[in-house]
Amino acid sequence: MEDPVTIEYCVPCGFEKQAVQLAEEIKDQFSERISQVILEPAQSIGSFEVSLGEELVFSKKNSGSLPHPGEVGQLIMMRLFK
């Protein structure tokens, strides 16, 4: 099993729904490779960060937007199968 995926999201921004949907998508796609998906309310406003273990996979801060459907799954796949 690989390291867990952590989704850090901004609660005041209303990103919880997107975080839950993304967690389900990741669980469905990588159930045999990912040990768990952790939803973590963020300490910073506007945050939506996804990490695989200690490695940052997606950052709203860096990209300027929330992830598109399938985007995070593709980024995780690239790291799992490199």
PDB file of N, CA and C in Angstrom:
ATOM      1  N   MET A   1       0.832  -1.200   0.000  1.00  0.00           N
ATOM      2  CA  MET A   1       0.000   0.000   0.000  1.00  0.00           C
ATOM      3  C   MET A   1       0.866   1.249   0.000  1.00  0.00           C
ATOM      4  N   GLU A   2       0.428   2.220  -0.739  1.00  0.00           N
ATOM      5  CA  GLU A   2       1.118   3.506  -0.793  1.00  0.00           C
ATOM      6  C   GLU A   2       0.722   4.364   0.407  1.00  0.00           C
ATOM      7  N   ASP A   3       1.406   5.472   0.537  1.00  0.00           N
ATOM      8  CA  ASP A   3       1.090   6.437   1.578  1.00  0.00           C
ATOM      9  C   ASP A   3      -0.344   6.946   1.415  1.00  0.00           C
ATOM     10  N   PRO A   4      -0.908   7.518   2.467  1.00  0.00           N
ATOM     11  CA  PRO A   4      -2.258   8.067   2.355  1.00  0.00           C
ATOM     12  C   PRO A   4      -2.288   9.336   1.506  1.00  0.00           C
ATOM     13  N   VAL A   5      -3.467   9.638   1.011  1.00  0.00           N
ATOM     14  CA  VAL A   5      -3.712  10.905   0.328  1.00  0.00           C
ATOM     15  C   VAL A   5      -4.381  11.821   1.337  1.00  0.00           C
ATOM     16  N   THR A   6      -3.889  13.044   1.445  1.00  0.00           N
ATOM     17  CA  THR A   6      -4.485  14.038   2.333  1.00  0.00           C
ATOM     18  C   THR A   6      -5.044  15.167   1.485  1.00  0.00           C
ATOM     19  N   ILE A   7      -6.309  15.505   1.754  1.00  0.00           N
ATOM     20  CA  ILE A   7      -6.951  16.630   1.072  1.00  0.00           C
ATOM     21  C   ILE A   7      -7.204  17.691   2.134  1.00  0.00           C
ATOM     22  N   GLU A   8      -6.480  18.793   2.021  1.00  0.00           N
ATOM     23  CA  GLU A   8      -6.643  19.921   2.942  1.00  0.00           C
ATOM     24  C   GLU A   8      -7.524  20.947   2.246  1.00  0.00           C
ATOM     25  N   TYR A   9      -8.606  21.365   2.912  1.00  0.00           N
ATOM     26  CA  TYR A   9      -9.569  22.248   2.255  1.00  0.00           C
ATOM     27  C   TYR A   9     -10.038  23.350   3.194  1.00  0.00           C
ATOM     28  N   CYS A  10     -10.423  24.473   2.620  1.00  0.00           N
ATOM     29  CA  CYS A  10     -10.916  25.630   3.359  1.00  0.00           C
ATOM     30  C   CYS A  10     -12.407  25.456   3.643  1.00  0.00           C
ATOM     31  N   VAL A  11     -12.762  25.399   4.924  1.00  0.00           N
ATOM     32  CA  VAL A  11     -14.171  25.255   5.318  1.00  0.00           C
ATOM     33  C   VAL A  11     -14.955  26.545   5.052  1.00  0.00           C
ATOM     34  N   PRO A  12     -14.461  27.729   5.488  1.00  0.00           N
ATOM     35  CA  PRO A  12     -15.221  28.957   5.233  1.00  0.00           C
ATOM     36  C   PRO A  12     -15.455  29.237   3.745  1.00  0.00           C
ATOM     37  N   CYS A  13     -14.581  28.718   2.901  1.00  0.00           N
ATOM     38  CA  CYS A  13     -14.714  28.922   1.452  1.00  0.00           C
ATOM     39  C   CYS A  13     -15.760  28.001   0.829  1.00  0.00           C
ATOM     40  N   GLY A  14     -16.231  27.018   1.602  1.00  0.00           N
ATOM     41  CA  GLY A  14     -17.231  26.085   1.087  1.00  0.00           C
ATOM     42  C   GLY A  14     -16.646  24.978   0.237  1.00  0.00           C
ATOM     43  N   PHE A  15     -15.371  24.614   0.460  1.00  0.00           N
ATOM     44  CA  PHE A  15     -14.712  23.593  -0.348  1.00  0.00           C
ATOM     45  C   PHE A  15     -14.902  22.176   0.188  1.00  0.00           C
ATOM     46  N   GLU A  16     -15.662  22.024   1.263  1.00  0.00           N
ATOM     47  CA  GLU A  16     -15.828  20.695   1.848  1.00  0.00           C
ATOM     48  C   GLU A  16     -16.494  19.728   0.871  1.00  0.00           C
ATOM     49  N   LYS A  17     -17.507  20.170   0.151  1.00  0.00           N
ATOM     50  CA  LYS A  17     -18.206  19.302  -0.795  1.00  0.00           C
ATOM     51  C   LYS A  17     -17.247  18.783  -1.872  1.00  0.00           C
ATOM     52  N   GLN A  18     -16.423  19.668  -2.426  1.00  0.00           N
ATOM     53  CA  GLN A  18     -15.448  19.251  -3.441  1.00  0.00           C
ATOM     54  C   GLN A  18     -14.438  18.273  -2.855  1.00  0.00           C
ATOM     55  N   ALA A  19     -14.029  18.504  -1.605  1.00  0.00           N
ATOM     56  CA  ALA A  19     -13.057  17.613  -0.953  1.00  0.00           C
ATOM     57  C   ALA A  19     -13.644  16.221  -0.755  1.00  0.00           C
ATOM     58  N   VAL A  20     -14.899  16.143  -0.335  1.00  0.00           N
ATOM     59  CA  VAL A  20     -15.563  14.848  -0.130  1.00  0.00           C
ATOM     60  C   VAL A  20     -15.722  14.128  -1.467  1.00  0.00           C
ATOM     61  N   GLN A  21     -16.130  14.843  -2.500  1.00  0.00           N
ATOM     62  CA  GLN A  21     -16.282  14.232  -3.826  1.00  0.00           C
ATOM     63  C   GLN A  21     -14.941  13.718  -4.347  1.00  0.00           C
ATOM     64  N   LEU A  22     -13.889  14.502  -4.154  1.00  0.00           N
ATOM     65  CA  LEU A  22     -12.562  14.087  -4.603  1.00  0.00           C
ATOM     66  C   LEU A  22     -12.088  12.867  -3.820  1.00  0.00           C
ATOM     67  N   ALA A  23     -12.347  12.842  -2.524  1.00  0.00           N
ATOM     68  CA  ALA A  23     -11.963  11.691  -1.698  1.00  0.00           C
ATOM     69  C   ALA A  23     -12.624  10.420  -2.216  1.00  0.00           C
ATOM     70  N   GLU A  24     -13.902  10.488  -2.559  1.00  0.00           N
ATOM     71  CA  GLU A  24     -14.620   9.320  -3.092  1.00  0.00           C
ATOM     72  C   GLU A  24     -14.038   8.888  -4.435  1.00  0.00           C
ATOM     73  N   GLU A  25     -13.727   9.860  -5.274  1.00  0.00           N
ATOM     74  CA  GLU A  25     -13.136   9.570  -6.585  1.00  0.00           C
ATOM     75  C   GLU A  25     -11.793   8.839  -6.411  1.00  0.00           C
ATOM     76  N   ILE A  26     -10.979   9.319  -5.496  1.00  0.00           N
ATOM     77  CA  ILE A  26      -9.665   8.712  -5.252  1.00  0.00           C
ATOM     78  C   ILE A  26      -9.822   7.309  -4.677  1.00  0.00           C
ATOM     79  N   LYS A  27     -10.743   7.148  -3.727  1.00  0.00           N
ATOM     80  CA  LYS A  27     -10.988   5.817  -3.138  1.00  0.00           C
ATOM     81  C   LYS A  27     -11.433   4.829  -4.206  1.00  0.00           C
ATOM     82  N   ASP A  28     -12.332   5.269  -5.088  1.00  0.00           N
ATOM     83  CA  ASP A  28     -12.824   4.388  -6.155  1.00  0.00           C
ATOM     84  C   ASP A  28     -11.710   4.000  -7.127  1.00  0.00           C
ATOM     85  N   GLN A  29     -10.884   4.956  -7.469  1.00  0.00           N
ATOM     86  CA  GLN A  29      -9.862   4.734  -8.490  1.00  0.00           C
ATOM     87  C   GLN A  29      -8.628   4.010  -7.955  1.00  0.00           C
ATOM     88  N   PHE A  30      -8.282   4.237  -6.683  1.00  0.00           N
ATOM     89  CA  PHE A  30      -7.017   3.728  -6.158  1.00  0.00           C
ATOM     90  C   PHE A  30      -7.166   2.898  -4.888  1.00  0.00           C
ATOM     91  N   SER A  31      -8.295   2.251  -4.712  1.00  0.00           N
ATOM     92  CA  SER A  31      -8.561   1.523  -3.463  1.00  0.00           C
ATOM     93  C   SER A  31      -7.504   0.476  -3.133  1.00  0.00           C
ATOM     94  N   GLU A  32      -6.876  -0.088  -4.139  1.00  0.00           N
ATOM     95  CA  GLU A  32      -5.865  -1.131  -3.886  1.00  0.00           C
ATOM     96  C   GLU A  32      -4.463  -0.555  -3.729  1.00  0.00           C
ATOM     97  N   ARG A  33      -4.278   0.724  -4.030  1.00  0.00           N
ATOM     98  CA  ARG A  33      -2.935   1.331  -3.974  1.00  0.00           C
ATOM     99  C   ARG A  33      -2.768   2.361  -2.856  1.00  0.00           C
ATOM    100  N   ILE A  34      -3.864   2.992  -2.445  1.00  0.00           N
ATOM    101  CA  ILE A  34      -3.820   4.051  -1.437  1.00  0.00           C
ATOM    102  C   ILE A  34      -4.322   3.497  -0.111  1.00  0.00           C
ATOM    103  N   SER A  35      -3.571   3.725   0.964  1.00  0.00           N
ATOM    104  CA  SER A  35      -3.960   3.185   2.265  1.00  0.00           C
ATOM    105  C   SER A  35      -5.193   3.874   2.836  1.00  0.00           C
ATOM    106  N   GLN A  36      -5.313   5.185   2.635  1.00  0.00           N
ATOM    107  CA  GLN A  36      -6.484   5.919   3.097  1.00  0.00           C
ATOM    108  C   GLN A  36      -6.499   7.317   2.498  1.00  0.00           C
ATOM    109  N   VAL A  37      -7.670   7.954   2.556  1.00  0.00           N
ATOM    110  CA  VAL A  37      -7.804   9.342   2.132  1.00  0.00           C
ATOM    111  C   VAL A  37      -8.236  10.126   3.368  1.00  0.00           C
ATOM    112  N   ILE A  38      -7.453  11.130   3.710  1.00  0.00           N
ATOM    113  CA  ILE A  38      -7.691  11.929   4.908  1.00  0.00           C
ATOM    114  C   ILE A  38      -8.213  13.292   4.488  1.00  0.00           C
ATOM    115  N   LEU A  39      -9.364  13.682   5.042  1.00  0.00           N
ATOM    116  CA  LEU A  39      -9.904  15.024   4.819  1.00  0.00           C
ATOM    117  C   LEU A  39      -9.490  15.883   6.000  1.00  0.00           C
ATOM    118  N   GLU A  40      -8.842  16.997   5.708  1.00  0.00           N
ATOM    119  CA  GLU A  40      -8.277  17.842   6.762  1.00  0.00           C
ATOM    120  C   GLU A  40      -8.700  19.293   6.564  1.00  0.00           C
ATOM    121  N   PRO A  41      -9.548  19.838   7.459  1.00  0.00           N
ATOM    122  CA  PRO A  41      -9.886  21.257   7.361  1.00  0.00           C
ATOM    123  C   PRO A  41      -8.603  22.098   7.423  1.00  0.00           C
ATOM    124  N   ALA A  42      -8.505  23.092   6.561  1.00  0.00           N
ATOM    125  CA  ALA A  42      -7.273  23.880   6.420  1.00  0.00           C
ATOM    126  C   ALA A  42      -7.161  24.971   7.468  1.00  0.00           C
ATOM    127  N   GLN A  43      -5.933  25.341   7.720  1.00  0.00           N
ATOM    128  CA  GLN A  43      -5.636  26.455   8.612  1.00  0.00           C
ATOM    129  C   GLN A  43      -5.611  27.784   7.856  1.00  0.00           C
ATOM    130  N   SER A  44      -5.472  27.719   6.529  1.00  0.00           N
ATOM    131  CA  SER A  44      -5.388  28.956   5.757  1.00  0.00           C
ATOM    132  C   SER A  44      -6.583  29.106   4.817  1.00  0.00           C
ATOM    133  N   ILE A  45      -7.059  30.330   4.692  1.00  0.00           N
ATOM    134  CA  ILE A  45      -8.212  30.640   3.845  1.00  0.00           C
ATOM    135  C   ILE A  45      -7.845  30.409   2.374  1.00  0.00           C
ATOM    136  N   GLY A  46      -8.772  29.785   1.645  1.00  0.00           N
ATOM    137  CA  GLY A  46      -8.588  29.554   0.215  1.00  0.00           C
ATOM    138  C   GLY A  46      -7.844  28.281  -0.127  1.00  0.00           C
ATOM    139  N   SER A  47      -7.481  27.532   0.883  1.00  0.00           N
ATOM    140  CA  SER A  47      -6.648  26.346   0.672  1.00  0.00           C
ATOM    141  C   SER A  47      -7.431  25.170   0.089  1.00  0.00           C
ATOM    142  N   PHE A  48      -6.812  24.493  -0.855  1.00  0.00           N
ATOM    143  CA  PHE A  48      -7.284  23.202  -1.374  1.00  0.00           C
ATOM    144  C   PHE A  48      -6.040  22.503  -1.899  1.00  0.00           C
ATOM    145  N   GLU A  49      -5.409  21.739  -1.015  1.00  0.00           N
ATOM    146  CA  GLU A  49      -4.132  21.103  -1.312  1.00  0.00           C
ATOM    147  C   GLU A  49      -4.292  19.589  -1.202  1.00  0.00           C
ATOM    148  N   VAL A  50      -3.701  18.853  -2.122  1.00  0.00           N
ATOM    149  CA  VAL A  50      -3.777  17.399  -2.116  1.00  0.00           C
ATOM    150  C   VAL A  50      -2.354  16.852  -2.093  1.00  0.00           C
ATOM    151  N   SER A  51      -2.086  15.963  -1.133  1.00  0.00           N
ATOM    152  CA  SER A  51      -0.759  15.363  -0.995  1.00  0.00           C
ATOM    153  C   SER A  51      -0.859  13.855  -1.013  1.00  0.00           C
ATOM    154  N   LEU A  52       0.157  13.226  -1.578  1.00  0.00           N
ATOM    155  CA  LEU A  52       0.328  11.772  -1.523  1.00  0.00           C
ATOM    156  C   LEU A  52       1.521  11.555  -0.608  1.00  0.00           C
ATOM    157  N   GLY A  53       1.261  11.083   0.595  1.00  0.00           N
ATOM    158  CA  GLY A  53       2.311  11.017   1.605  1.00  0.00           C
ATOM    159  C   GLY A  53       2.763  12.431   1.907  1.00  0.00           C
ATOM    160  N   GLU A  54       4.041  12.690   1.766  1.00  0.00           N
ATOM    161  CA  GLU A  54       4.603  14.025   2.010  1.00  0.00           C
ATOM    162  C   GLU A  54       4.709  14.874   0.744  1.00  0.00           C
ATOM    163  N   GLU A  55       4.360  14.298  -0.407  1.00  0.00           N
ATOM    164  CA  GLU A  55       4.525  14.987  -1.685  1.00  0.00           C
ATOM    165  C   GLU A  55       3.248  15.726  -2.090  1.00  0.00           C
ATOM    166  N   LEU A  56       3.360  17.033  -2.336  1.00  0.00           N
ATOM    167  CA  LEU A  56       2.235  17.833  -2.802  1.00  0.00           C
ATOM    168  C   LEU A  56       1.915  17.438  -4.239  1.00  0.00           C
ATOM    169  N   VAL A  57       0.663  17.042  -4.473  1.00  0.00           N
ATOM    170  CA  VAL A  57       0.220  16.591  -5.790  1.00  0.00           C
ATOM    171  C   VAL A  57      -0.531  17.702  -6.523  1.00  0.00           C
ATOM    172  N   PHE A  58      -1.383  18.425  -5.786  1.00  0.00           N
ATOM    173  CA  PHE A  58      -2.172  19.501  -6.374  1.00  0.00           C
ATOM    174  C   PHE A  58      -2.272  20.624  -5.364  1.00  0.00           C
ATOM    175  N   SER A  59      -2.202  21.863  -5.859  1.00  0.00           N
ATOM    176  CA  SER A  59      -2.323  23.039  -4.995  1.00  0.00           C
ATOM    177  C   SER A  59      -3.173  24.100  -5.680  1.00  0.00           C
ATOM    178  N   LYS A  60      -4.280  24.463  -5.045  1.00  0.00           N
ATOM    179  CA  LYS A  60      -5.099  25.564  -5.559  1.00  0.00           C
ATOM    180  C   LYS A  60      -4.299  26.853  -5.539  1.00  0.00           C
ATOM    181  N   LYS A  61      -3.458  27.002  -4.529  1.00  0.00           N
ATOM    182  CA  LYS A  61      -2.618  28.195  -4.424  1.00  0.00           C
ATOM    183  C   LYS A  61      -1.716  28.328  -5.652  1.00  0.00           C
ATOM    184  N   ASN A  62      -1.151  27.219  -6.099  1.00  0.00           N
ATOM    185  CA  ASN A  62      -0.252  27.248  -7.265  1.00  0.00           C
ATOM    186  C   ASN A  62      -0.996  27.327  -8.592  1.00  0.00           C
ATOM    187  N   SER A  63      -2.143  26.640  -8.687  1.00  0.00           N
ATOM    188  CA  SER A  63      -2.861  26.584  -9.962  1.00  0.00           C
ATOM    189  C   SER A  63      -3.855  27.726 -10.152  1.00  0.00           C
ATOM    190  N   GLY A  64      -4.338  28.280  -9.028  1.00  0.00           N
ATOM    191  CA  GLY A  64      -5.306  29.372  -9.109  1.00  0.00           C
ATOM    192  C   GLY A  64      -6.750  28.928  -9.189  1.00  0.00           C
ATOM    193  N   SER A  65      -6.987  27.606  -9.202  1.00  0.00           N
ATOM    194  CA  SER A  65      -8.370  27.119  -9.275  1.00  0.00           C
ATOM    195  C   SER A  65      -8.485  25.746  -8.607  1.00  0.00           C
ATOM    196  N   LEU A  66      -9.716  25.360  -8.363  1.00  0.00           N
ATOM    197  CA  LEU A  66      -9.969  24.010  -7.855  1.00  0.00           C
ATOM    198  C   LEU A  66      -9.676  23.007  -8.967  1.00  0.00           C
ATOM    199  N   PRO A  67      -9.387  21.762  -8.620  1.00  0.00           N
ATOM    200  CA  PRO A  67      -9.068  20.782  -9.668  1.00  0.00           C
ATOM    201  C   PRO A  67     -10.275  20.440 -10.531  1.00  0.00           C
ATOM    202  N   HIS A  68     -10.002  20.155 -11.787  1.00  0.00           N
ATOM    203  CA  HIS A  68     -11.033  19.696 -12.713  1.00  0.00           C
ATOM    204  C   HIS A  68     -11.276  18.204 -12.469  1.00  0.00           C
ATOM    205  N   PRO A  69     -12.458  17.678 -12.819  1.00  0.00           N
ATOM    206  CA  PRO A  69     -12.716  16.243 -12.635  1.00  0.00           C
ATOM    207  C   PRO A  69     -11.628  15.403 -13.303  1.00  0.00           C
ATOM    208  N   GLY A  70     -11.101  14.450 -12.559  1.00  0.00           N
ATOM    209  CA  GLY A  70     -10.085  13.544 -13.069  1.00  0.00           C
ATOM    210  C   GLY A  70      -8.660  14.066 -12.986  1.00  0.00           C
ATOM    211  N   GLU A  71      -8.490  15.356 -12.763  1.00  0.00           N
ATOM    212  CA  GLU A  71      -7.154  15.961 -12.753  1.00  0.00           C
ATOM    213  C   GLU A  71      -6.273  15.404 -11.635  1.00  0.00           C
ATOM    214  N   VAL A  72      -6.786  15.359 -10.415  1.00  0.00           N
ATOM    215  CA  VAL A  72      -5.988  14.870  -9.290  1.00  0.00           C
ATOM    216  C   VAL A  72      -5.695  13.379  -9.451  1.00  0.00           C
ATOM    217  N   GLY A  73      -6.679  12.615  -9.920  1.00  0.00           N
ATOM    218  CA  GLY A  73      -6.461  11.190 -10.152  1.00  0.00           C
ATOM    219  C   GLY A  73      -5.323  10.949 -11.124  1.00  0.00           C
ATOM    220  N   GLN A  74      -5.258  11.752 -12.166  1.00  0.00           N
ATOM    221  CA  GLN A  74      -4.191  11.620 -13.153  1.00  0.00           C
ATOM    222  C   GLN A  74      -2.836  11.975 -12.533  1.00  0.00           C
ATOM    223  N   LEU A  75      -2.801  13.005 -11.703  1.00  0.00           N
ATOM    224  CA  LEU A  75      -1.554  13.403 -11.041  1.00  0.00           C
ATOM    225  C   LEU A  75      -1.083  12.328 -10.064  1.00  0.00           C
ATOM    226  N   ILE A  76      -2.021  11.727  -9.356  1.00  0.00           N
ATOM    227  CA  ILE A  76      -1.668  10.640  -8.425  1.00  0.00           C
ATOM    228  C   ILE A  76      -1.151   9.450  -9.213  1.00  0.00           C
ATOM    229  N   MET A  77      -1.821   9.105 -10.294  1.00  0.00           N
ATOM    230  CA  MET A  77      -1.409   7.966 -11.115  1.00  0.00           C
ATOM    231  C   MET A  77       0.025   8.150 -11.622  1.00  0.00           C
ATOM    232  N   MET A  78       0.352   9.352 -12.043  1.00  0.00           N
ATOM    233  CA  MET A  78       1.694   9.641 -12.540  1.00  0.00           C
ATOM    234  C   MET A  78       2.739   9.380 -11.451  1.00  0.00           C
ATOM    235  N   ARG A  79       2.411   9.682 -10.211  1.00  0.00           N
ATOM    236  CA  ARG A  79       3.356   9.480  -9.122  1.00  0.00           C
ATOM    237  C   ARG A  79       3.419   8.024  -8.683  1.00  0.00           C
ATOM    238  N   LEU A  80       2.298   7.338  -8.751  1.00  0.00           N
ATOM    239  CA  LEU A  80       2.281   5.921  -8.334  1.00  0.00           C
ATOM    240  C   LEU A  80       3.018   5.034  -9.319  1.00  0.00           C
ATOM    241  N   PHE A  81       2.964   5.365 -10.595  1.00  0.00           N
ATOM    242  CA  PHE A  81       3.522   4.513 -11.617  1.00  0.00           C
ATOM    243  C   PHE A  81       4.762   5.090 -12.284  1.00  0.00           C
ATOM    244  N   LYS A  82       5.480   5.961 -11.582  1.00  0.00           N
ATOM    245  CA  LYS A  82       6.698   6.528 -12.173  1.00  0.00           C
ATOM    246  C   LYS A  82       7.862   5.584 -12.072  1.00  0.00           C
TER     247      LYS A  82
END
